[in-house]
Structure formats: C-alpha cells, structure tokens
C-alpha cells in the first residue's frame, strides 16, 4: 500500500467517524439542548468559507493589473515582424 492510499483510507475513516458522530449528536434526544449549536456551527463555518473565497476573488481582481488593449498587442506583434 502506498502512502497516498494510506492517507486516503485515513481521510475516509475520519470522515465516516465524524459523520456518524454528527448524526448521533443531531438526532439523539440526549443532546436536544445543544441541537441548535450542532446545526449552527457548521453553517457558520461554511458561511465564513464562502465569504473568504469571495474576499480572495475580490482581492485578486483588485490587485491584478488590467490586460493590455488589443491595439497595443497588435502593434507590438507588427513591430516584431
């Protein structure tokens, strides 16, 4: 078994364990008092992730210089010939 396969199996097992734990916390009556937090925390994390991606896209667009106009590129290409 290669290292990549071992890491893949580890990721798979961790995801299964977390999903089973999440379902147990969500649906067992013993955890009814914290059920709102069980739902709210992953939604909050996902919301922050979407905002972080949006901020990264905005920053990239704001700091990337605009492309040269086509006329200037055509002139440079003609000068090379």
N, C-alpha and C. Protein backbone atom coordinates (compact mmCIF):
# COMPACT_ATOMS: atom_id res chain seq x y z
N UNK A 1 0.84 -1.17 0.00
CA UNK A 1 0.00 0.00 0.00
C UNK A 1 0.89 1.25 0.00
N UNK A 2 0.57 2.16 -0.90
CA UNK A 2 1.36 3.39 -0.98
C UNK A 2 0.93 4.39 0.09
N UNK A 3 1.74 5.41 0.25
CA UNK A 3 1.44 6.45 1.23
C UNK A 3 0.14 7.17 0.87
N UNK A 4 -0.07 7.42 -0.43
CA UNK A 4 -1.30 8.09 -0.86
C UNK A 4 -2.54 7.27 -0.51
N UNK A 5 -2.44 5.96 -0.69
CA UNK A 5 -3.57 5.10 -0.35
C UNK A 5 -3.83 5.09 1.15
N UNK A 6 -2.77 5.08 1.95
CA UNK A 6 -2.92 5.10 3.40
C UNK A 6 -3.57 6.41 3.86
N UNK A 7 -3.14 7.52 3.27
CA UNK A 7 -3.74 8.81 3.61
C UNK A 7 -5.20 8.84 3.17
N UNK A 8 -5.50 8.27 2.01
CA UNK A 8 -6.87 8.20 1.53
C UNK A 8 -7.76 7.40 2.47
N UNK A 9 -7.26 6.28 2.94
CA UNK A 9 -8.03 5.46 3.89
C UNK A 9 -8.24 6.22 5.19
N UNK A 10 -7.21 6.89 5.66
CA UNK A 10 -7.32 7.68 6.89
C UNK A 10 -8.37 8.79 6.74
N UNK A 11 -8.35 9.51 5.64
CA UNK A 11 -9.33 10.55 5.39
C UNK A 11 -10.74 9.95 5.34
N UNK A 12 -10.88 8.83 4.66
CA UNK A 12 -12.17 8.15 4.57
C UNK A 12 -12.71 7.78 5.95
N UNK A 13 -11.87 7.17 6.77
CA UNK A 13 -12.29 6.73 8.10
C UNK A 13 -12.65 7.93 8.98
N UNK A 14 -11.83 8.97 8.94
CA UNK A 14 -12.12 10.17 9.74
C UNK A 14 -13.45 10.79 9.32
N UNK A 15 -13.70 10.88 8.02
CA UNK A 15 -14.96 11.44 7.54
C UNK A 15 -16.16 10.61 7.97
N UNK A 16 -16.04 9.28 7.90
CA UNK A 16 -17.13 8.40 8.34
C UNK A 16 -17.38 8.57 9.83
N UNK A 17 -16.33 8.60 10.63
CA UNK A 17 -16.48 8.74 12.09
C UNK A 17 -17.13 10.08 12.43
N UNK A 18 -16.67 11.15 11.78
CA UNK A 18 -17.25 12.47 12.04
C UNK A 18 -18.71 12.52 11.61
N UNK A 19 -19.05 11.94 10.48
CA UNK A 19 -20.44 11.97 10.02
C UNK A 19 -21.35 11.17 10.95
N UNK A 20 -20.88 10.02 11.43
CA UNK A 20 -21.68 9.23 12.38
C UNK A 20 -21.84 10.00 13.70
N UNK A 21 -20.76 10.60 14.18
CA UNK A 21 -20.85 11.40 15.40
C UNK A 21 -21.79 12.58 15.24
N UNK A 22 -21.73 13.23 14.10
CA UNK A 22 -22.62 14.37 13.84
C UNK A 22 -24.08 13.92 13.84
N UNK A 23 -24.37 12.81 13.17
CA UNK A 23 -25.75 12.32 13.13
C UNK A 23 -26.23 11.92 14.53
N UNK A 24 -25.37 11.30 15.31
CA UNK A 24 -25.77 10.92 16.67
C UNK A 24 -26.07 12.17 17.51
N UNK A 25 -25.19 13.16 17.44
CA UNK A 25 -25.43 14.39 18.19
C UNK A 25 -26.70 15.10 17.73
N UNK A 26 -26.98 15.02 16.45
CA UNK A 26 -28.12 15.73 15.90
C UNK A 26 -29.45 15.06 16.23
N UNK A 27 -29.49 13.73 16.25
CA UNK A 27 -30.77 13.04 16.36
C UNK A 27 -31.03 12.36 17.70
N UNK A 28 -30.04 12.22 18.54
CA UNK A 28 -30.30 11.59 19.84
C UNK A 28 -30.97 12.60 20.77
N UNK A 29 -32.01 12.17 21.47
CA UNK A 29 -32.73 13.10 22.35
C UNK A 29 -31.87 13.64 23.49
N UNK A 30 -30.83 12.95 23.89
CA UNK A 30 -29.99 13.40 25.00
C UNK A 30 -29.28 14.72 24.68
N UNK A 31 -29.12 15.03 23.41
CA UNK A 31 -28.39 16.24 23.01
C UNK A 31 -29.33 17.33 22.49
N UNK A 32 -30.60 17.28 22.90
CA UNK A 32 -31.58 18.25 22.40
C UNK A 32 -31.23 19.68 22.79
N UNK A 33 -30.61 19.86 23.94
CA UNK A 33 -30.28 21.21 24.41
C UNK A 33 -29.22 21.89 23.53
N UNK A 34 -28.33 21.12 22.93
CA UNK A 34 -27.27 21.72 22.10
C UNK A 34 -27.53 21.52 20.60
N UNK A 35 -28.71 21.06 20.24
CA UNK A 35 -29.02 20.77 18.83
C UNK A 35 -28.85 22.01 17.96
N UNK A 36 -29.25 23.17 18.45
CA UNK A 36 -29.13 24.40 17.64
C UNK A 36 -27.67 24.69 17.33
N UNK A 37 -26.78 24.43 18.29
CA UNK A 37 -25.35 24.66 18.06
C UNK A 37 -24.75 23.63 17.11
N UNK A 38 -25.29 22.42 17.16
CA UNK A 38 -24.81 21.36 16.26
C UNK A 38 -25.11 21.74 14.81
N UNK A 39 -26.19 22.45 14.59
CA UNK A 39 -26.54 22.90 13.25
C UNK A 39 -25.85 24.23 12.93
N UNK A 40 -25.83 25.14 13.90
CA UNK A 40 -25.34 26.49 13.65
C UNK A 40 -23.84 26.56 13.38
N UNK A 41 -23.06 25.77 14.07
CA UNK A 41 -21.60 25.86 13.92
C UNK A 41 -21.13 25.47 12.51
N UNK A 42 -21.58 24.33 11.95
CA UNK A 42 -21.15 24.03 10.56
C UNK A 42 -21.67 25.04 9.54
N UNK A 43 -22.89 25.56 9.75
CA UNK A 43 -23.42 26.57 8.84
C UNK A 43 -22.57 27.84 8.92
N UNK A 44 -22.20 28.23 10.12
CA UNK A 44 -21.36 29.41 10.32
C UNK A 44 -19.99 29.23 9.65
N UNK A 45 -19.40 28.05 9.80
CA UNK A 45 -18.10 27.78 9.19
C UNK A 45 -18.21 27.81 7.66
N UNK A 46 -19.27 27.23 7.12
CA UNK A 46 -19.47 27.24 5.67
C UNK A 46 -19.68 28.67 5.17
N UNK A 47 -20.44 29.46 5.91
CA UNK A 47 -20.68 30.85 5.55
C UNK A 47 -19.37 31.64 5.53
N UNK A 48 -18.54 31.46 6.55
CA UNK A 48 -17.25 32.13 6.58
C UNK A 48 -16.35 31.67 5.44
N UNK A 49 -16.41 30.39 5.09
CA UNK A 49 -15.60 29.88 3.98
C UNK A 49 -16.02 30.53 2.66
N UNK A 50 -17.32 30.67 2.44
CA UNK A 50 -17.81 31.31 1.21
C UNK A 50 -17.38 32.77 1.18
N UNK A 51 -17.48 33.47 2.31
CA UNK A 51 -17.05 34.86 2.36
C UNK A 51 -15.54 35.00 2.15
N UNK A 52 -14.76 34.06 2.69
CA UNK A 52 -13.31 34.10 2.49
C UNK A 52 -12.96 33.90 1.02
N UNK A 53 -13.65 32.98 0.36
CA UNK A 53 -13.41 32.77 -1.08
C UNK A 53 -13.79 34.02 -1.87
N UNK A 54 -14.93 34.64 -1.52
CA UNK A 54 -15.33 35.88 -2.18
C UNK A 54 -14.33 36.99 -1.96
N UNK A 55 -13.81 37.12 -0.74
CA UNK A 55 -12.81 38.14 -0.44
C UNK A 55 -11.53 37.88 -1.23
N UNK A 56 -11.14 36.62 -1.34
CA UNK A 56 -9.93 36.28 -2.10
C UNK A 56 -10.10 36.63 -3.58
N UNK A 57 -11.27 36.32 -4.14
CA UNK A 57 -11.54 36.65 -5.54
C UNK A 57 -11.52 38.16 -5.73
N UNK A 58 -12.16 38.90 -4.81
CA UNK A 58 -12.15 40.36 -4.90
C UNK A 58 -10.76 40.93 -4.80
N UNK A 59 -9.95 40.43 -3.88
CA UNK A 59 -8.58 40.91 -3.72
C UNK A 59 -7.75 40.63 -4.98
N UNK A 60 -7.94 39.44 -5.53
CA UNK A 60 -7.21 39.08 -6.74
C UNK A 60 -7.59 39.99 -7.90
N UNK A 61 -8.89 40.26 -8.04
CA UNK A 61 -9.33 41.14 -9.12
C UNK A 61 -8.85 42.57 -8.91
N UNK A 62 -8.80 43.01 -7.64
CA UNK A 62 -8.39 44.39 -7.36
C UNK A 62 -6.89 44.61 -7.54
N UNK A 63 -6.10 43.58 -7.31
CA UNK A 63 -4.64 43.75 -7.36
C UNK A 63 -4.01 43.27 -8.66
N UNK A 64 -4.77 42.66 -9.54
CA UNK A 64 -4.23 42.21 -10.83
C UNK A 64 -4.28 43.36 -11.82
N UNK A 65 -3.17 43.65 -12.47
CA UNK A 65 -3.18 44.76 -13.44
C UNK A 65 -4.08 44.42 -14.64
N UNK A 66 -4.70 45.43 -15.23
CA UNK A 66 -5.58 45.16 -16.37
C UNK A 66 -4.77 44.69 -17.57
N UNK A 67 -5.39 43.92 -18.45
CA UNK A 67 -4.66 43.47 -19.65
C UNK A 67 -4.41 44.63 -20.61
N UNK A 68 -3.40 44.46 -21.44
CA UNK A 68 -3.09 45.50 -22.44
C UNK A 68 -4.20 45.52 -23.48
N UNK A 69 -4.50 46.70 -24.03
CA UNK A 69 -5.51 46.77 -25.10
C UNK A 69 -5.06 45.97 -26.32
N UNK A 70 -6.01 45.48 -27.06
CA UNK A 70 -5.72 44.64 -28.23
C UNK A 70 -4.90 45.42 -29.26
N UNK A 71 -5.21 46.71 -29.43
CA UNK A 71 -4.47 47.51 -30.42
C UNK A 71 -2.98 47.55 -30.09
N UNK A 72 -2.67 47.68 -28.82
CA UNK A 72 -1.26 47.73 -28.40
C UNK A 72 -0.58 46.39 -28.66
N UNK A 73 -1.28 45.30 -28.41
CA UNK A 73 -0.70 43.98 -28.68
C UNK A 73 -0.48 43.76 -30.16
N UNK A 74 -1.44 44.21 -30.98
CA UNK A 74 -1.29 44.08 -32.43
C UNK A 74 -0.10 44.90 -32.93
N UNK A 75 0.08 46.10 -32.36
CA UNK A 75 1.21 46.95 -32.75
C UNK A 75 2.53 46.28 -32.38
N UNK A 76 2.61 45.70 -31.19
CA UNK A 76 3.82 45.01 -30.78
C UNK A 76 4.12 43.82 -31.69
N UNK A 77 3.06 43.13 -32.09
CA UNK A 77 3.26 41.97 -32.97
C UNK A 77 3.74 42.41 -34.35
N UNK A 78 3.20 43.51 -34.86
CA UNK A 78 3.64 44.01 -36.17
C UNK A 78 5.08 44.51 -36.11
N UNK A 79 5.47 45.13 -34.98
CA UNK A 79 6.84 45.62 -34.83
C UNK A 79 7.84 44.48 -34.82
N UNK A 80 7.43 43.33 -34.32
CA UNK A 80 8.34 42.17 -34.28
C UNK A 80 8.58 41.61 -35.68
N UNK A 81 7.64 41.79 -36.55
CA UNK A 81 7.78 41.22 -37.90
C UNK A 81 8.58 42.12 -38.73
